[in-house]
Amino acid sequence: MDADDKGALRIGTVDSYLIYCLTGGKVHATDHTNASRTLLYNIKSNTWDKELMDLFLVKPRMLPKLLSSNDHYGNTEEDIVGINIPIVGVTGDKRINSDKGIMTFVAWSMAYQVADLVELMETELGEKLEVLNVDGGPTANSILMQLQAYLLKTTLQTGANSELSCLGAVYLGGLKLGFWSSLKELKALKEKSMVYEPNDHNVDTKKLMSEWHKAINSVLV
């Protein structure tokens, strides 16, 4: 008899596995941001998708419980980490592992994709984006950030802390535990930022975007 026959089989995300281990198997849960990357989550109903579960032969009891990012997920077991610590602030993030050449291509393609997306948003809204606040690991690349400002013809503003996904998880946990009392208190912690202006008129952004679209069209079937 295998684990599935016993009803003991569980599947989930990295965070649900860590939570399960840290709580001594008492909690099998994840948040909606991580669940949305499993191909089993319905982003409209914010629940596990029955049709997709049936397609992949996944039973509901196998999946982790869905909680909000700022929920209390339980406490760490004292015999595992030596102390009871509340588990709060669970959010998803993304990472890319590759060599430098591919990383450069991926980074540059991000700038062009964002430019396409922002242009579409501006068209739909009928308004020009004046300032774009950006975060994440790529913001440490000043050349990429300047290229993004050129392509958007918009001011870019980055925070002193590039990994805001991690910082956001800390803020969520701190609010849940009462370390900070309100969002207003968090806003007062705002750090200095780096600003990139699209002020080099020698950059032919129309030509750059045209070449980008040609490259994309060449690989589309």
N, C-alpha and C. Protein backbone atom coordinates (compact mmCIF):
# COMPACT_ATOMS: atom_id res chain seq x y z
N MET A 1 0.86 -1.20 0.00
CA MET A 1 0.00 0.00 0.00
C MET A 1 0.89 1.25 0.00
N ASP A 2 0.69 2.17 -0.99
CA ASP A 2 1.52 3.36 -1.05
C ASP A 2 0.91 4.50 -0.23
N ALA A 3 1.63 5.65 -0.23
CA ALA A 3 1.21 6.79 0.60
C ALA A 3 -0.16 7.32 0.18
N ASP A 4 -0.44 7.27 -1.14
CA ASP A 4 -1.72 7.77 -1.62
C ASP A 4 -2.86 6.88 -1.13
N ASP A 5 -2.64 5.58 -1.14
CA ASP A 5 -3.66 4.65 -0.66
C ASP A 5 -3.97 4.87 0.81
N LYS A 6 -2.97 5.27 1.57
CA LYS A 6 -3.15 5.51 3.00
C LYS A 6 -3.75 6.89 3.27
N GLY A 7 -3.81 7.72 2.23
CA GLY A 7 -4.30 9.08 2.42
C GLY A 7 -3.26 9.99 3.03
N ALA A 8 -1.99 9.57 2.96
CA ALA A 8 -0.91 10.33 3.60
C ALA A 8 -0.12 11.20 2.62
N LEU A 9 -0.36 11.04 1.32
CA LEU A 9 0.41 11.77 0.33
C LEU A 9 0.01 13.25 0.31
N ARG A 10 1.02 14.12 0.36
CA ARG A 10 0.80 15.56 0.31
C ARG A 10 1.71 16.17 -0.75
N ILE A 11 1.20 17.14 -1.49
CA ILE A 11 2.01 17.85 -2.47
C ILE A 11 1.80 19.35 -2.24
N GLY A 12 2.79 20.14 -2.65
CA GLY A 12 2.65 21.58 -2.44
C GLY A 12 3.84 22.34 -2.97
N THR A 13 4.07 23.49 -2.42
CA THR A 13 5.15 24.38 -2.83
C THR A 13 6.29 24.30 -1.82
N VAL A 14 7.40 24.95 -2.13
CA VAL A 14 8.55 24.93 -1.21
C VAL A 14 8.16 25.49 0.15
N ASP A 15 7.40 26.58 0.16
CA ASP A 15 7.02 27.18 1.44
C ASP A 15 6.11 26.26 2.24
N SER A 16 5.19 25.55 1.57
CA SER A 16 4.30 24.65 2.30
C SER A 16 5.09 23.49 2.91
N TYR A 17 6.14 23.04 2.20
CA TYR A 17 6.99 21.98 2.73
C TYR A 17 7.76 22.46 3.96
N LEU A 18 8.31 23.69 3.87
CA LEU A 18 9.06 24.24 5.01
C LEU A 18 8.14 24.44 6.22
N ILE A 19 6.94 24.95 5.96
CA ILE A 19 5.99 25.16 7.05
C ILE A 19 5.62 23.83 7.70
N TYR A 20 5.41 22.83 6.87
CA TYR A 20 5.06 21.49 7.37
C TYR A 20 6.18 20.95 8.26
N CYS A 21 7.42 21.11 7.80
CA CYS A 21 8.57 20.62 8.58
C CYS A 21 8.76 21.41 9.88
N LEU A 22 8.68 22.72 9.80
CA LEU A 22 8.92 23.57 10.97
C LEU A 22 7.84 23.41 12.04
N THR A 23 6.63 23.05 11.63
CA THR A 23 5.54 22.86 12.60
C THR A 23 5.41 21.40 13.02
N GLY A 24 6.38 20.60 12.65
CA GLY A 24 6.33 19.20 13.04
C GLY A 24 5.20 18.43 12.37
N GLY A 25 4.81 18.85 11.16
CA GLY A 25 3.76 18.16 10.43
C GLY A 25 2.35 18.56 10.82
N LYS A 26 2.22 19.58 11.65
CA LYS A 26 0.90 20.00 12.11
C LYS A 26 0.18 20.89 11.09
N VAL A 27 0.95 21.62 10.27
CA VAL A 27 0.36 22.57 9.33
C VAL A 27 0.86 22.31 7.92
N HIS A 28 -0.08 22.14 6.99
CA HIS A 28 0.26 22.02 5.56
C HIS A 28 -0.51 23.12 4.85
N ALA A 29 0.15 24.25 4.63
CA ALA A 29 -0.54 25.43 4.10
C ALA A 29 0.39 26.26 3.23
N THR A 30 -0.21 27.06 2.38
CA THR A 30 0.53 28.01 1.55
C THR A 30 -0.33 29.24 1.35
N ASP A 31 0.26 30.28 0.76
CA ASP A 31 -0.53 31.48 0.49
C ASP A 31 -0.94 31.50 -0.98
N HIS A 32 -1.76 32.46 -1.35
CA HIS A 32 -2.32 32.50 -2.70
C HIS A 32 -1.27 32.83 -3.76
N THR A 33 -0.24 33.62 -3.41
CA THR A 33 0.77 33.98 -4.41
C THR A 33 1.58 32.76 -4.83
N ASN A 34 1.92 31.91 -3.87
CA ASN A 34 2.66 30.69 -4.20
C ASN A 34 1.76 29.67 -4.88
N ALA A 35 0.52 29.57 -4.43
CA ALA A 35 -0.42 28.61 -5.02
C ALA A 35 -0.67 28.92 -6.49
N SER A 36 -0.65 30.20 -6.86
CA SER A 36 -0.96 30.60 -8.23
C SER A 36 0.08 30.13 -9.23
N ARG A 37 1.21 29.62 -8.75
CA ARG A 37 2.27 29.17 -9.65
C ARG A 37 2.33 27.66 -9.80
N THR A 38 1.31 26.98 -9.34
CA THR A 38 1.32 25.51 -9.36
C THR A 38 0.59 24.91 -10.55
N LEU A 39 -0.11 25.74 -11.34
CA LEU A 39 -0.98 25.28 -12.43
C LEU A 39 -2.19 24.51 -11.93
N LEU A 40 -2.48 24.66 -10.64
CA LEU A 40 -3.66 24.00 -10.05
C LEU A 40 -4.58 25.01 -9.39
N TYR A 41 -4.28 26.30 -9.55
CA TYR A 41 -4.97 27.36 -8.83
C TYR A 41 -5.84 28.17 -9.78
N ASN A 42 -7.04 28.50 -9.34
CA ASN A 42 -7.95 29.32 -10.12
C ASN A 42 -7.83 30.77 -9.66
N ILE A 43 -7.27 31.62 -10.51
CA ILE A 43 -6.99 33.01 -10.12
C ILE A 43 -8.26 33.86 -10.05
N LYS A 44 -9.37 33.34 -10.56
CA LYS A 44 -10.62 34.09 -10.49
C LYS A 44 -11.39 33.81 -9.20
N SER A 45 -11.40 32.56 -8.79
CA SER A 45 -12.12 32.19 -7.57
C SER A 45 -11.22 32.15 -6.35
N ASN A 46 -9.88 32.26 -6.59
CA ASN A 46 -8.89 32.19 -5.50
C ASN A 46 -9.01 30.89 -4.70
N THR A 47 -9.20 29.80 -5.43
CA THR A 47 -9.29 28.47 -4.83
C THR A 47 -8.53 27.48 -5.70
N TRP A 48 -8.32 26.28 -5.19
CA TRP A 48 -7.78 25.22 -6.03
C TRP A 48 -8.81 24.90 -7.11
N ASP A 49 -8.37 24.70 -8.32
CA ASP A 49 -9.25 24.50 -9.46
C ASP A 49 -9.58 23.02 -9.64
N LYS A 50 -10.86 22.66 -9.51
CA LYS A 50 -11.28 21.26 -9.59
C LYS A 50 -10.99 20.66 -10.96
N GLU A 51 -11.21 21.43 -12.02
CA GLU A 51 -10.98 20.91 -13.37
C GLU A 51 -9.50 20.57 -13.57
N LEU A 52 -8.63 21.45 -13.08
CA LEU A 52 -7.19 21.20 -13.22
C LEU A 52 -6.74 20.05 -12.33
N MET A 53 -7.32 19.96 -11.14
CA MET A 53 -6.97 18.85 -10.25
C MET A 53 -7.38 17.52 -10.88
N ASP A 54 -8.54 17.48 -11.50
CA ASP A 54 -8.99 16.26 -12.17
C ASP A 54 -8.07 15.91 -13.34
N LEU A 55 -7.64 16.94 -14.06
CA LEU A 55 -6.77 16.74 -15.22
C LEU A 55 -5.44 16.11 -14.80
N PHE A 56 -4.89 16.59 -13.68
CA PHE A 56 -3.58 16.10 -13.21
C PHE A 56 -3.70 15.01 -12.15
N LEU A 57 -4.93 14.50 -11.96
CA LEU A 57 -5.18 13.41 -11.00
C LEU A 57 -4.72 13.77 -9.59
N VAL A 58 -5.00 14.99 -9.19
CA VAL A 58 -4.65 15.47 -7.85
C VAL A 58 -5.90 15.53 -6.98
N LYS A 59 -5.84 14.93 -5.82
CA LYS A 59 -6.97 14.93 -4.90
C LYS A 59 -6.89 16.15 -3.98
N PRO A 60 -8.02 16.75 -3.64
CA PRO A 60 -8.02 17.97 -2.81
C PRO A 60 -7.26 17.82 -1.51
N ARG A 61 -7.35 16.65 -0.86
CA ARG A 61 -6.69 16.46 0.44
C ARG A 61 -5.17 16.49 0.34
N MET A 62 -4.65 16.33 -0.89
CA MET A 62 -3.20 16.34 -1.07
C MET A 62 -2.62 17.75 -0.99
N LEU A 63 -3.43 18.73 -1.35
CA LEU A 63 -2.95 20.10 -1.49
C LEU A 63 -2.94 20.87 -0.17
N PRO A 64 -2.05 21.86 -0.04
CA PRO A 64 -2.01 22.65 1.19
C PRO A 64 -3.22 23.57 1.33
N LYS A 65 -3.55 23.89 2.55
CA LYS A 65 -4.64 24.82 2.84
C LYS A 65 -4.24 26.21 2.36
N LEU A 66 -5.18 26.94 1.78
CA LEU A 66 -4.90 28.28 1.27
C LEU A 66 -5.17 29.33 2.35
N LEU A 67 -4.15 30.14 2.63
CA LEU A 67 -4.28 31.21 3.62
C LEU A 67 -3.79 32.53 3.01
N SER A 68 -4.14 33.63 3.65
CA SER A 68 -3.64 34.93 3.20
C SER A 68 -2.16 35.07 3.56
N SER A 69 -1.47 35.94 2.85
CA SER A 69 -0.04 36.11 3.09
C SER A 69 0.27 36.55 4.51
N ASN A 70 -0.64 37.31 5.12
CA ASN A 70 -0.38 37.83 6.47
C ASN A 70 -1.08 37.02 7.56
N ASP A 71 -1.55 35.81 7.23
CA ASP A 71 -2.16 34.95 8.25
C ASP A 71 -1.12 34.36 9.19
N HIS A 72 -1.58 33.86 10.32
CA HIS A 72 -0.71 33.14 11.25
C HIS A 72 -0.75 31.67 10.86
N TYR A 73 0.36 31.14 10.40
CA TYR A 73 0.42 29.78 9.87
C TYR A 73 0.69 28.73 10.95
N GLY A 74 0.98 29.16 12.13
CA GLY A 74 1.33 28.23 13.19
C GLY A 74 2.63 28.63 13.84
N ASN A 75 3.15 27.77 14.69
CA ASN A 75 4.42 28.05 15.37
C ASN A 75 5.43 26.95 15.10
N THR A 76 6.69 27.31 15.10
CA THR A 76 7.74 26.31 14.94
C THR A 76 7.77 25.42 16.19
N GLU A 77 8.09 24.15 16.00
CA GLU A 77 8.19 23.22 17.11
C GLU A 77 9.49 23.45 17.87
N GLU A 78 9.41 23.49 19.18
CA GLU A 78 10.58 23.78 20.00
C GLU A 78 11.67 22.73 19.84
N ASP A 79 11.27 21.47 19.63
CA ASP A 79 12.28 20.42 19.50
C ASP A 79 12.95 20.42 18.13
N ILE A 80 12.45 21.28 17.22
CA ILE A 80 13.04 21.38 15.89
C ILE A 80 14.01 22.55 15.79
N VAL A 81 13.60 23.72 16.25
CA VAL A 81 14.46 24.91 16.16
C VAL A 81 14.85 25.46 17.53
N GLY A 82 14.40 24.82 18.60
CA GLY A 82 14.81 25.24 19.93
C GLY A 82 13.95 26.30 20.56
N ILE A 83 12.95 26.80 19.82
CA ILE A 83 12.10 27.85 20.35
C ILE A 83 10.80 27.90 19.54
N ASN A 84 9.72 28.33 20.16
CA ASN A 84 8.45 28.50 19.44
C ASN A 84 8.41 29.88 18.79
N ILE A 85 8.41 29.89 17.46
CA ILE A 85 8.40 31.15 16.70
C ILE A 85 7.16 31.18 15.82
N PRO A 86 6.35 32.23 15.88
CA PRO A 86 5.17 32.31 15.00
C PRO A 86 5.58 32.43 13.54
N ILE A 87 4.91 31.72 12.67
CA ILE A 87 5.19 31.76 11.23
C ILE A 87 4.15 32.66 10.57
N VAL A 88 4.59 33.82 10.11
CA VAL A 88 3.71 34.80 9.46
C VAL A 88 4.46 35.42 8.28
N GLY A 89 3.72 36.08 7.40
CA GLY A 89 4.34 36.77 6.27
C GLY A 89 4.86 35.81 5.22
N VAL A 90 3.96 35.08 4.57
CA VAL A 90 4.34 34.12 3.53
C VAL A 90 3.97 34.69 2.16
N THR A 91 4.97 34.91 1.31
CA THR A 91 4.72 35.46 -0.02
C THR A 91 5.59 34.77 -1.05
N GLY A 92 5.16 34.83 -2.32
CA GLY A 92 5.92 34.22 -3.40
C GLY A 92 6.91 35.19 -4.01
N ASP A 93 7.96 34.63 -4.60
CA ASP A 93 8.98 35.42 -5.30
C ASP A 93 9.45 34.59 -6.48
N LYS A 94 10.29 35.17 -7.33
CA LYS A 94 10.79 34.42 -8.48
C LYS A 94 12.30 34.57 -8.59
N ARG A 95 12.93 33.54 -9.13
CA ARG A 95 14.38 33.54 -9.29
C ARG A 95 14.73 32.96 -10.66
N ILE A 96 15.86 33.42 -11.25
CA ILE A 96 16.35 32.88 -12.52
C ILE A 96 17.79 32.41 -12.31
N ASN A 97 18.09 31.14 -12.58
CA ASN A 97 19.46 30.60 -12.49
C ASN A 97 19.97 30.29 -13.88
N SER A 98 21.08 30.96 -14.28
CA SER A 98 21.60 30.76 -15.63
C SER A 98 22.99 31.36 -15.73
N ASP A 99 23.61 31.26 -16.94
CA ASP A 99 24.93 31.86 -17.11
C ASP A 99 24.79 33.33 -17.47
N LYS A 100 25.93 34.03 -17.52
CA LYS A 100 25.90 35.48 -17.69
C LYS A 100 25.30 35.91 -19.02
N GLY A 101 25.60 35.14 -20.10
CA GLY A 101 25.08 35.52 -21.41
C GLY A 101 23.56 35.49 -21.45
N ILE A 102 22.98 34.40 -20.96
CA ILE A 102 21.52 34.29 -20.94
C ILE A 102 20.93 35.28 -19.97
N MET A 103 21.60 35.50 -18.85
CA MET A 103 21.10 36.46 -17.87
C MET A 103 21.01 37.86 -18.47
N THR A 104 22.03 38.23 -19.28
CA THR A 104 22.03 39.55 -19.92
C THR A 104 20.85 39.66 -20.88
N PHE A 105 20.64 38.61 -21.67
CA PHE A 105 19.50 38.60 -22.62
C PHE A 105 18.18 38.72 -21.88
N VAL A 106 18.03 37.93 -20.80
CA VAL A 106 16.80 37.96 -20.02
C VAL A 106 16.56 39.34 -19.42
N ALA A 107 17.63 39.93 -18.87
CA ALA A 107 17.51 41.25 -18.25
C ALA A 107 17.08 42.30 -19.26
N TRP A 108 17.72 42.29 -20.43
CA TRP A 108 17.38 43.29 -21.44
C TRP A 108 15.96 43.06 -21.97
N SER A 109 15.57 41.81 -22.13
CA SER A 109 14.23 41.51 -22.63
C SER A 109 13.17 41.99 -21.64
N MET A 110 13.50 41.97 -20.35
CA MET A 110 12.57 42.46 -19.33
C MET A 110 12.23 43.91 -19.58
N ALA A 111 13.23 44.71 -19.93
CA ALA A 111 13.01 46.14 -20.16
C ALA A 111 12.06 46.37 -21.33
N TYR A 112 12.24 45.59 -22.40
CA TYR A 112 11.37 45.73 -23.57
C TYR A 112 9.96 45.24 -23.28
N GLN A 113 9.84 44.14 -22.53
CA GLN A 113 8.51 43.64 -22.17
C GLN A 113 7.75 44.64 -21.31
N VAL A 114 8.45 45.23 -20.35
CA VAL A 114 7.82 46.24 -19.49
C VAL A 114 7.38 47.44 -20.33
N ALA A 115 8.21 47.83 -21.29
CA ALA A 115 7.87 48.96 -22.16
C ALA A 115 6.59 48.68 -22.94
N ASP A 116 6.47 47.45 -23.47
CA ASP A 116 5.25 47.07 -24.19
C ASP A 116 4.03 47.11 -23.27
N LEU A 117 4.20 46.58 -22.06
CA LEU A 117 3.09 46.53 -21.10
C LEU A 117 2.65 47.92 -20.68
N VAL A 118 3.60 48.78 -20.39
CA VAL A 118 3.27 50.14 -19.96
C VAL A 118 2.59 50.91 -21.08
N GLU A 119 3.07 50.72 -22.32
CA GLU A 119 2.43 51.39 -23.46
C GLU A 119 0.97 50.97 -23.59
N LEU A 120 0.71 49.68 -23.40
CA LEU A 120 -0.66 49.18 -23.47
C LEU A 120 -1.51 49.79 -22.35
N MET A 121 -0.96 49.85 -21.14
CA MET A 121 -1.69 50.43 -20.01
C MET A 121 -2.00 51.90 -20.24
N GLU A 122 -1.02 52.63 -20.77
CA GLU A 122 -1.22 54.05 -21.04
C GLU A 122 -2.31 54.26 -22.09
N THR A 123 -2.32 53.37 -23.09
CA THR A 123 -3.33 53.47 -24.15
C THR A 123 -4.73 53.20 -23.59
N GLU A 124 -4.82 52.18 -22.75
CA GLU A 124 -6.11 51.81 -22.17
C GLU A 124 -6.61 52.88 -21.20
N LEU A 125 -5.70 53.45 -20.42
CA LEU A 125 -6.09 54.44 -19.40
C LEU A 125 -6.21 55.85 -19.98
N GLY A 126 -5.55 56.06 -21.11
CA GLY A 126 -5.58 57.40 -21.70
C GLY A 126 -4.74 58.40 -20.93
N GLU A 127 -3.76 57.90 -20.18
CA GLU A 127 -2.89 58.77 -19.38
C GLU A 127 -1.44 58.34 -19.54
N LYS A 128 -0.52 59.29 -19.42
CA LYS A 128 0.90 59.03 -19.51
C LYS A 128 1.47 58.76 -18.12
N LEU A 129 2.24 57.69 -18.00
CA LEU A 129 2.87 57.36 -16.73
C LEU A 129 3.99 58.36 -16.44
N GLU A 130 3.94 59.02 -15.31
CA GLU A 130 4.93 60.05 -14.98
C GLU A 130 6.14 59.48 -14.25
N VAL A 131 5.88 58.58 -13.30
CA VAL A 131 6.96 57.97 -12.52
C VAL A 131 6.66 56.50 -12.32
N LEU A 132 7.67 55.64 -12.49
CA LEU A 132 7.51 54.22 -12.25
C LEU A 132 8.43 53.80 -11.12
N ASN A 133 7.84 53.31 -10.01
CA ASN A 133 8.61 52.80 -8.89
C ASN A 133 8.91 51.32 -9.13
N VAL A 134 10.16 50.96 -9.08
CA VAL A 134 10.56 49.58 -9.40
C VAL A 134 11.35 48.97 -8.24
N ASP A 135 11.30 47.63 -8.15
CA ASP A 135 12.06 46.93 -7.12
C ASP A 135 12.47 45.57 -7.66
N GLY A 136 13.19 44.81 -6.85
CA GLY A 136 13.68 43.50 -7.25
C GLY A 136 15.16 43.53 -7.58
N GLY A 137 15.74 42.34 -7.70
CA GLY A 137 17.17 42.20 -7.96
C GLY A 137 17.68 42.98 -9.15
N PRO A 138 16.94 43.01 -10.30
CA PRO A 138 17.44 43.73 -11.48
C PRO A 138 17.67 45.22 -11.25
N THR A 139 17.08 45.81 -10.22
CA THR A 139 17.26 47.24 -9.99
C THR A 139 18.70 47.57 -9.58
N ALA A 140 19.47 46.54 -9.23
CA ALA A 140 20.88 46.76 -8.89
C ALA A 140 21.70 47.03 -10.14
N ASN A 141 21.13 46.74 -11.32
CA ASN A 141 21.81 46.97 -12.59
C ASN A 141 21.45 48.35 -13.11
N SER A 142 22.34 49.31 -12.91
CA SER A 142 22.05 50.70 -13.28
C SER A 142 21.89 50.87 -14.79
N ILE A 143 22.62 50.07 -15.59
CA ILE A 143 22.50 50.16 -17.05
C ILE A 143 21.11 49.72 -17.49
N LEU A 144 20.62 48.64 -16.90
CA LEU A 144 19.28 48.15 -17.22
C LEU A 144 18.22 49.17 -16.82
N MET A 145 18.38 49.77 -15.65
CA MET A 145 17.41 50.76 -15.19
C MET A 145 17.38 51.99 -16.09
N GLN A 146 18.58 52.41 -16.55
CA GLN A 146 18.62 53.57 -17.43
C GLN A 146 17.98 53.25 -18.78
N LEU A 147 18.23 52.01 -19.28
CA LEU A 147 17.59 51.58 -20.53
C LEU A 147 16.08 51.59 -20.38
N GLN A 148 15.59 51.12 -19.23
CA GLN A 148 14.15 51.10 -18.99
C GLN A 148 13.56 52.50 -19.01
N ALA A 149 14.27 53.44 -18.42
CA ALA A 149 13.81 54.84 -18.40
C ALA A 149 13.74 55.40 -19.83
N TYR A 150 14.76 55.06 -20.65
CA TYR A 150 14.77 55.51 -22.04
C TYR A 150 13.58 54.94 -22.81
N LEU A 151 13.37 53.63 -22.68
CA LEU A 151 12.31 52.96 -23.45
C LEU A 151 10.93 53.46 -23.05
N LEU A 152 10.75 53.75 -21.76
CA LEU A 152 9.46 54.23 -21.28
C LEU A 152 9.28 55.73 -21.46
N LYS A 153 10.42 56.43 -21.62
CA LYS A 153 10.41 57.90 -21.64
C LYS A 153 9.74 58.42 -20.36
N THR A 154 10.09 57.74 -19.27
CA THR A 154 9.48 58.00 -17.97
C THR A 154 10.53 57.91 -16.88
N THR A 155 10.37 58.70 -15.85
CA THR A 155 11.29 58.65 -14.70
C THR A 155 11.14 57.33 -13.96
N LEU A 156 12.27 56.70 -13.65
CA LEU A 156 12.30 55.46 -12.88
C LEU A 156 12.84 55.76 -11.48
N GLN A 157 12.23 55.18 -10.48
CA GLN A 157 12.67 55.40 -9.11
C GLN A 157 12.83 54.05 -8.41
N THR A 158 14.04 53.78 -7.91
CA THR A 158 14.30 52.51 -7.22
C THR A 158 14.56 52.77 -5.74
N GLY A 159 14.20 51.80 -4.91
CA GLY A 159 14.44 51.92 -3.48
C GLY A 159 15.86 51.54 -3.11
N ALA A 160 16.28 51.90 -1.91
CA ALA A 160 17.61 51.55 -1.44
C ALA A 160 17.73 50.04 -1.25
N ASN A 161 16.63 49.40 -0.92
CA ASN A 161 16.59 47.95 -0.76
C ASN A 161 15.97 47.34 -2.02
N SER A 162 16.79 46.62 -2.80
CA SER A 162 16.31 46.08 -4.07
C SER A 162 15.38 44.88 -3.89
N GLU A 163 15.54 44.14 -2.80
CA GLU A 163 14.72 42.94 -2.60
C GLU A 163 13.47 43.26 -1.78
N LEU A 164 12.55 43.98 -2.38
CA LEU A 164 11.35 44.40 -1.67
C LEU A 164 10.38 43.25 -1.42
N SER A 165 10.52 42.15 -2.17
CA SER A 165 9.66 40.99 -1.90
C SER A 165 9.93 40.46 -0.51
N CYS A 166 11.22 40.35 -0.16
CA CYS A 166 11.60 39.90 1.18
C CYS A 166 11.18 40.91 2.23
N LEU A 167 11.41 42.19 1.92
CA LEU A 167 11.05 43.24 2.86
C LEU A 167 9.54 43.27 3.08
N GLY A 168 8.78 43.03 2.00
CA GLY A 168 7.32 43.00 2.12
C GLY A 168 6.85 41.90 3.05
N ALA A 169 7.51 40.73 2.96
CA ALA A 169 7.16 39.62 3.85
C ALA A 169 7.43 40.00 5.31
N VAL A 170 8.52 40.71 5.53
CA VAL A 170 8.85 41.17 6.88
C VAL A 170 7.80 42.14 7.39
N TYR A 171 7.38 43.06 6.52
CA TYR A 171 6.35 44.03 6.91
C TYR A 171 5.03 43.34 7.23
N LEU A 172 4.65 42.35 6.40
CA LEU A 172 3.40 41.62 6.65
C LEU A 172 3.44 40.93 8.01
N GLY A 173 4.57 40.27 8.28
CA GLY A 173 4.72 39.58 9.55
C GLY A 173 4.71 40.53 10.73
N GLY A 174 5.41 41.67 10.55
CA GLY A 174 5.47 42.66 11.63
C GLY A 174 4.13 43.26 11.95
N LEU A 175 3.32 43.51 10.91
CA LEU A 175 1.97 44.04 11.13
C LEU A 175 1.09 43.02 11.84
N LYS A 176 1.21 41.75 11.42
CA LYS A 176 0.40 40.69 12.01
C LYS A 176 0.72 40.52 13.50
N LEU A 177 2.01 40.64 13.85
CA LEU A 177 2.43 40.44 15.24
C LEU A 177 2.37 41.70 16.08
N GLY A 178 2.01 42.83 15.44
CA GLY A 178 1.89 44.08 16.19
C GLY A 178 3.20 44.83 16.37
N PHE A 179 4.24 44.41 15.65
CA PHE A 179 5.52 45.13 15.74
C PHE A 179 5.37 46.53 15.17
N TRP A 180 4.61 46.63 14.08
CA TRP A 180 4.19 47.93 13.55
C TRP A 180 2.68 48.00 13.69
N SER A 181 2.16 49.16 14.00
CA SER A 181 0.74 49.28 14.29
C SER A 181 -0.12 49.59 13.06
N SER A 182 0.49 50.15 12.01
CA SER A 182 -0.32 50.54 10.85
C SER A 182 0.54 50.72 9.62
N LEU A 183 -0.13 50.82 8.46
CA LEU A 183 0.58 51.09 7.20
C LEU A 183 1.22 52.47 7.23
N LYS A 184 0.57 53.39 7.94
CA LYS A 184 1.11 54.74 8.05
C LYS A 184 2.49 54.72 8.70
N GLU A 185 2.65 53.86 9.67
CA GLU A 185 3.95 53.74 10.34
C GLU A 185 5.00 53.18 9.40
N LEU A 186 4.59 52.25 8.53
CA LEU A 186 5.52 51.69 7.56
C LEU A 186 5.94 52.72 6.52
N LYS A 187 5.00 53.55 6.10
CA LYS A 187 5.31 54.58 5.11
C LYS A 187 6.36 55.55 5.62
N ALA A 188 6.38 55.73 6.93
CA ALA A 188 7.36 56.64 7.54
C ALA A 188 8.78 56.07 7.46
N LEU A 189 8.89 54.76 7.14
CA LEU A 189 10.19 54.10 7.04
C LEU A 189 10.78 54.20 5.65
N LYS A 190 10.13 54.93 4.75
CA LYS A 190 10.54 55.02 3.36
C LYS A 190 12.00 55.41 3.23
N GLU A 191 12.72 54.63 2.40
CA GLU A 191 14.15 54.84 2.23
C GLU A 191 14.44 55.75 1.03
N LYS A 192 15.66 56.24 0.99
CA LYS A 192 16.07 57.07 -0.13
C LYS A 192 16.10 56.21 -1.40
N SER A 193 15.91 56.85 -2.54
CA SER A 193 15.83 56.10 -3.79
C SER A 193 16.79 56.65 -4.83
N MET A 194 17.08 55.82 -5.83
CA MET A 194 17.87 56.23 -6.97
C MET A 194 16.91 56.58 -8.10
N VAL A 195 17.18 57.68 -8.79
CA VAL A 195 16.28 58.15 -9.84
C VAL A 195 16.99 58.11 -11.20
N TYR A 196 16.29 57.56 -12.19
CA TYR A 196 16.81 57.50 -13.56
C TYR A 196 15.88 58.30 -14.47
N GLU A 197 16.47 59.26 -15.17
CA GLU A 197 15.68 60.13 -16.03
C GLU A 197 15.91 59.79 -17.51
N PRO A 198 14.88 59.88 -18.33
CA PRO A 198 15.00 59.59 -19.77
C PRO A 198 15.44 60.83 -20.54
N ASN A 199 16.60 61.38 -20.17
CA ASN A 199 16.97 62.69 -20.71
C ASN A 199 18.06 62.66 -21.78
N ASP A 200 18.38 61.48 -22.32
CA ASP A 200 19.38 61.39 -23.39
C ASP A 200 18.64 61.34 -24.73
N HIS A 201 18.65 62.44 -25.44
CA HIS A 201 17.90 62.53 -26.69
C HIS A 201 18.60 61.82 -27.85
N ASN A 202 19.83 61.33 -27.60
CA ASN A 202 20.55 60.61 -28.65
C ASN A 202 20.13 59.14 -28.75
N VAL A 203 19.33 58.67 -27.79
CA VAL A 203 18.87 57.29 -27.80
C VAL A 203 17.62 57.19 -28.65
N ASP A 204 17.70 56.41 -29.73
CA ASP A 204 16.57 56.23 -30.65
C ASP A 204 15.69 55.10 -30.13
N THR A 205 14.76 55.43 -29.23
CA THR A 205 13.92 54.40 -28.61
C THR A 205 12.97 53.75 -29.60
N LYS A 206 12.52 54.50 -30.61
CA LYS A 206 11.63 53.93 -31.61
C LYS A 206 12.33 52.82 -32.39
N LYS A 207 13.60 53.05 -32.72
CA LYS A 207 14.37 52.04 -33.45
C LYS A 207 14.61 50.82 -32.57
N LEU A 208 14.91 51.05 -31.30
CA LEU A 208 15.15 49.94 -30.37
C LEU A 208 13.90 49.07 -30.23
N MET A 209 12.76 49.72 -30.06
CA MET A 209 11.51 48.97 -29.90
C MET A 209 11.13 48.25 -31.20
N SER A 210 11.42 48.88 -32.33
CA SER A 210 11.13 48.27 -33.62
C SER A 210 11.95 46.99 -33.81
N GLU A 211 13.22 47.04 -33.44
CA GLU A 211 14.09 45.86 -33.54
C GLU A 211 13.62 44.77 -32.60
N TRP A 212 13.15 45.17 -31.42
CA TRP A 212 12.62 44.21 -30.45
C TRP A 212 11.40 43.48 -31.02
N HIS A 213 10.48 44.23 -31.61
CA HIS A 213 9.28 43.63 -32.17
C HIS A 213 9.60 42.73 -33.36
N LYS A 214 10.62 43.09 -34.15
CA LYS A 214 11.04 42.24 -35.26
C LYS A 214 11.58 40.92 -34.73
N ALA A 215 12.36 40.99 -33.65
CA ALA A 215 12.94 39.78 -33.05
C ALA A 215 11.85 38.86 -32.51
N ILE A 216 10.83 39.46 -31.87
CA ILE A 216 9.73 38.68 -31.33
C ILE A 216 8.92 38.02 -32.45
N ASN A 217 8.63 38.80 -33.48
CA ASN A 217 7.83 38.27 -34.60
C ASN A 217 8.56 37.16 -35.36
N SER A 218 9.89 37.20 -35.35
CA SER A 218 10.66 36.19 -36.08
C SER A 218 10.57 34.80 -35.45
N VAL A 219 10.20 34.74 -34.18
CA VAL A 219 10.12 33.44 -33.51
C VAL A 219 8.67 33.00 -33.25
N LEU A 220 7.72 33.85 -33.60
CA LEU A 220 6.31 33.49 -33.44
C LEU A 220 5.84 32.68 -34.64
N VAL A 221 5.06 31.66 -34.34
CA VAL A 221 4.54 30.82 -35.41
C VAL A 221 3.20 31.38 -35.92
